[in-house]
Amino acid sequence: MWRDMKVGDLALFYHSNAKPPGISGVAKVASASYPDPTQLEKNGEYFDPKATEEKPRWYLVDFEHIATFDELIPLQTLKDDEILSEMTVCQKGSRLSITPVLKKHFTRALKLAGCKI
C-alpha cells in the first residue's frame, strides 16, 4: 500500500490492539514513502537480514494527526453497519489493520463519528 499513498491523502486511524478494536480518528499522509531504517539495525527488534541499503524490504510513510473522534467506532459496529461491513478490515480472515478505504466508507465513518473535517 505504501506505493499508493500520496502526501495529503486522508486515512482512518484504526486501533487494532484496543479492547475493543476500532476507528478512533483521522490522519493525513505527511510524507512520501521511504525505507524503514529499523530494518538495518543489526541489534534492533525489526532487523531484517535480507534487507540492504541498496535493496530495502520495508517502507513507511509519516502521518499527521487531523482529528480524534469523541468515541471510538468499535469493529463490531463496523461489521453491523450495512455500508461499513464491506470494508476490508471487516472481512473474515483479514488480519491487516492497514487496508485501503473507499470514499463511501470514509464518509460513512465520519458521519457515524459526528466528525466534520
C-alpha atoms as a PDB file:
ATOM      1  CA  MET A   1       0.000   0.000   0.000  1.00  0.00           C
ATOM      2  CA  TRP A   2       2.886   2.388   0.609  1.00  0.00           C
ATOM      3  CA  ARG A   3       3.220   2.781  -3.169  1.00  0.00           C
ATOM      4  CA  ASP A   4      -0.349   4.030  -3.414  1.00  0.00           C
ATOM      5  CA  MET A   5      -0.221   6.526  -0.537  1.00  0.00           C
ATOM      6  CA  LYS A   6       0.220  10.143  -1.575  1.00  0.00           C
ATOM      7  CA  VAL A   7       1.038  13.147   0.573  1.00  0.00           C
ATOM      8  CA  GLY A   8      -2.258  14.743   1.594  1.00  0.00           C
ATOM      9  CA  ASP A   9      -4.340  11.541   1.447  1.00  0.00           C
ATOM     10  CA  LEU A  10      -6.662  11.165   4.403  1.00  0.00           C
ATOM     11  CA  ALA A  11      -6.839   7.956   6.417  1.00  0.00           C
ATOM     12  CA  LEU A  12      -8.938   6.483   9.191  1.00  0.00           C
ATOM     13  CA  PHE A  13      -6.864   5.719  12.285  1.00  0.00           C
ATOM     14  CA  TYR A  14      -7.681   2.177  13.414  1.00  0.00           C
ATOM     15  CA  HIS A  15      -6.611   0.771  16.783  1.00  0.00           C
ATOM     16  CA  SER A  16      -6.115  -2.957  16.206  1.00  0.00           C
ATOM     17  CA  ASN A  17      -4.815  -3.688  19.716  1.00  0.00           C
ATOM     18  CA  ALA A  18      -7.508  -1.765  21.587  1.00  0.00           C
ATOM     19  CA  LYS A  19     -10.259  -3.541  23.514  1.00  0.00           C
ATOM     20  CA  PRO A  20     -12.423  -3.343  21.510  1.00  0.00           C
ATOM     21  CA  PRO A  21     -10.550  -2.555  18.299  1.00  0.00           C
ATOM     22  CA  GLY A  22     -11.966   0.234  16.157  1.00  0.00           C
ATOM     23  CA  ILE A  23     -11.617   3.542  14.343  1.00  0.00           C
ATOM     24  CA  SER A  24     -10.568   6.406  16.581  1.00  0.00           C
ATOM     25  CA  GLY A  25      -9.873   9.287  14.237  1.00  0.00           C
ATOM     26  CA  VAL A  26      -8.456  10.742  11.055  1.00  0.00           C
ATOM     27  CA  ALA A  27      -4.863  11.190   9.925  1.00  0.00           C
ATOM     28  CA  LYS A  28      -3.212  12.572   6.804  1.00  0.00           C
ATOM     29  CA  VAL A  29      -0.266  11.154   4.872  1.00  0.00           C
ATOM     30  CA  ALA A  30       2.530  13.628   5.613  1.00  0.00           C
ATOM     31  CA  SER A  31       5.458  12.169   3.657  1.00  0.00           C
ATOM     32  CA  ALA A  32       6.265  10.126   0.616  1.00  0.00           C
ATOM     33  CA  SER A  33       7.273   6.544   1.360  1.00  0.00           C
ATOM     34  CA  TYR A  34      10.861   5.882   2.393  1.00  0.00           C
ATOM     35  CA  PRO A  35      12.841   2.842   3.564  1.00  0.00           C
ATOM     36  CA  ASP A  36      12.273   1.928   7.195  1.00  0.00           C
ATOM     37  CA  PRO A  37      15.667   2.485   8.838  1.00  0.00           C
ATOM     38  CA  THR A  38      14.978  -0.058  11.608  1.00  0.00           C
ATOM     39  CA  GLN A  39      15.293  -2.948   9.156  1.00  0.00           C
ATOM     40  CA  LEU A  40      19.052  -2.316   9.005  1.00  0.00           C
ATOM     41  CA  GLU A  41      19.704  -2.040  12.759  1.00  0.00           C
ATOM     42  CA  LYS A  42      21.537  -5.321  13.452  1.00  0.00           C
ATOM     43  CA  ASN A  43      20.645  -5.444  17.144  1.00  0.00           C
ATOM     44  CA  GLY A  44      17.202  -3.927  16.670  1.00  0.00           C
ATOM     45  CA  GLU A  45      13.843  -5.581  17.140  1.00  0.00           C
ATOM     46  CA  TYR A  46      12.927  -5.108  13.460  1.00  0.00           C
ATOM     47  CA  PHE A  47      16.238  -6.100  11.855  1.00  0.00           C
ATOM     48  CA  ASP A  48      15.779  -7.914   8.546  1.00  0.00           C
ATOM     49  CA  PRO A  49      18.911  -9.774   7.407  1.00  0.00           C
ATOM     50  CA  LYS A  50      17.619  -9.827   3.808  1.00  0.00           C
ATOM     51  CA  ALA A  51      17.356  -6.030   3.642  1.00  0.00           C
ATOM     52  CA  THR A  52      20.201  -3.833   2.420  1.00  0.00           C
ATOM     53  CA  GLU A  53      20.535  -0.092   1.869  1.00  0.00           C
ATOM     54  CA  GLU A  54      20.506  -0.769  -1.876  1.00  0.00           C
ATOM     55  CA  LYS A  55      17.517  -3.131  -1.692  1.00  0.00           C
ATOM     56  CA  PRO A  56      15.336  -2.317   1.308  1.00  0.00           C
ATOM     57  CA  ARG A  57      12.377  -4.609   2.002  1.00  0.00           C
ATOM     58  CA  TRP A  58      10.286  -2.422   4.308  1.00  0.00           C
ATOM     59  CA  TYR A  59       8.925   1.081   3.689  1.00  0.00           C
ATOM     60  CA  LEU A  60       6.923   3.534   5.731  1.00  0.00           C
ATOM     61  CA  VAL A  61       5.113   6.836   5.450  1.00  0.00           C
ATOM     62  CA  ASP A  62       4.650   9.513   8.085  1.00  0.00           C
ATOM     63  CA  PHE A  63       1.178  10.591   9.200  1.00  0.00           C
ATOM     64  CA  GLU A  64      -0.153  13.824  10.682  1.00  0.00           C
ATOM     65  CA  HIS A  65      -2.994  13.862  13.220  1.00  0.00           C
ATOM     66  CA  ILE A  66      -6.150  15.521  11.872  1.00  0.00           C
ATOM     67  CA  ALA A  67      -8.956  14.594  14.274  1.00  0.00           C
ATOM     68  CA  THR A  68      -9.752  12.317  17.194  1.00  0.00           C
ATOM     69  CA  PHE A  69     -13.319  11.014  17.425  1.00  0.00           C
ATOM     70  CA  ASP A  70     -15.238  11.668  20.637  1.00  0.00           C
ATOM     71  CA  GLU A  71     -15.854   7.928  20.801  1.00  0.00           C
ATOM     72  CA  LEU A  72     -14.127   5.019  19.085  1.00  0.00           C
ATOM     73  CA  ILE A  73     -16.205   3.247  16.415  1.00  0.00           C
ATOM     74  CA  PRO A  74     -15.852  -0.394  17.502  1.00  0.00           C
ATOM     75  CA  LEU A  75     -15.123  -3.136  14.985  1.00  0.00           C
ATOM     76  CA  GLN A  76     -18.478  -4.743  15.819  1.00  0.00           C
ATOM     77  CA  THR A  77     -20.255  -1.508  14.847  1.00  0.00           C
ATOM     78  CA  LEU A  78     -18.361  -1.541  11.537  1.00  0.00           C
ATOM     79  CA  LYS A  79     -19.430  -5.140  10.934  1.00  0.00           C
ATOM     80  CA  ASP A  80     -23.057  -4.377  11.824  1.00  0.00           C
ATOM     81  CA  ASP A  81     -23.280  -1.332   9.530  1.00  0.00           C
ATOM     82  CA  GLU A  82     -24.681  -2.036   6.053  1.00  0.00           C
ATOM     83  CA  ILE A  83     -22.080   0.179   4.340  1.00  0.00           C
ATOM     84  CA  LEU A  84     -19.034  -0.241   6.586  1.00  0.00           C
ATOM     85  CA  SER A  85     -19.367  -4.028   6.750  1.00  0.00           C
ATOM     86  CA  GLU A  86     -17.871  -4.088   3.238  1.00  0.00           C
ATOM     87  CA  MET A  87     -14.558  -2.663   4.497  1.00  0.00           C
ATOM     88  CA  THR A  88     -11.550  -4.966   4.183  1.00  0.00           C
ATOM     89  CA  VAL A  89     -10.900  -4.799   7.926  1.00  0.00           C
ATOM     90  CA  CYS A  90     -14.367  -6.371   8.483  1.00  0.00           C
ATOM     91  CA  GLN A  91     -13.844  -9.331   6.179  1.00  0.00           C
ATOM     92  CA  LYS A  92     -13.361 -12.745   7.689  1.00  0.00           C
ATOM     93  CA  GLY A  93      -9.696 -13.719   7.716  1.00  0.00           C
ATOM     94  CA  SER A  94      -8.489 -10.124   7.367  1.00  0.00           C
ATOM     95  CA  ARG A  95      -5.614  -9.644   9.786  1.00  0.00           C
ATOM     96  CA  LEU A  96      -4.242  -6.380   8.465  1.00  0.00           C
ATOM     97  CA  SER A  97      -5.266  -3.170  10.163  1.00  0.00           C
ATOM     98  CA  ILE A  98      -3.693  -1.144   7.344  1.00  0.00           C
ATOM     99  CA  THR A  99      -6.035  -1.511   4.395  1.00  0.00           C
ATOM    100  CA  PRO A 100      -7.402   0.647   1.585  1.00  0.00           C
ATOM    101  CA  VAL A 101     -10.580   2.569   2.419  1.00  0.00           C
ATOM    102  CA  LEU A 102     -13.146   3.541  -0.208  1.00  0.00           C
ATOM    103  CA  LYS A 103     -14.512   7.094  -0.167  1.00  0.00           C
ATOM    104  CA  LYS A 104     -18.025   5.852   0.732  1.00  0.00           C
ATOM    105  CA  HIS A 105     -16.590   4.050   3.778  1.00  0.00           C
ATOM    106  CA  PHE A 106     -14.539   7.067   4.832  1.00  0.00           C
ATOM    107  CA  THR A 107     -17.581   9.343   4.534  1.00  0.00           C
ATOM    108  CA  ARG A 108     -19.813   6.914   6.451  1.00  0.00           C
ATOM    109  CA  ALA A 109     -17.263   6.553   9.277  1.00  0.00           C
ATOM    110  CA  LEU A 110     -17.040  10.340   9.640  1.00  0.00           C
ATOM    111  CA  LYS A 111     -20.834  10.557   9.766  1.00  0.00           C
ATOM    112  CA  LEU A 112     -21.072   7.837  12.448  1.00  0.00           C
ATOM    113  CA  ALA A 113     -18.409   9.612  14.492  1.00  0.00           C
ATOM    114  CA  GLY A 114     -20.048  13.026  14.063  1.00  0.00           C
ATOM    115  CA  CYS A 115     -16.746  14.306  12.708  1.00  0.00           C
ATOM    116  CA  LYS A 116     -16.706  17.208  10.258  1.00  0.00           C
ATOM    117  CA  ILE A 117     -13.331  17.824   8.720  1.00  0.00           C
END
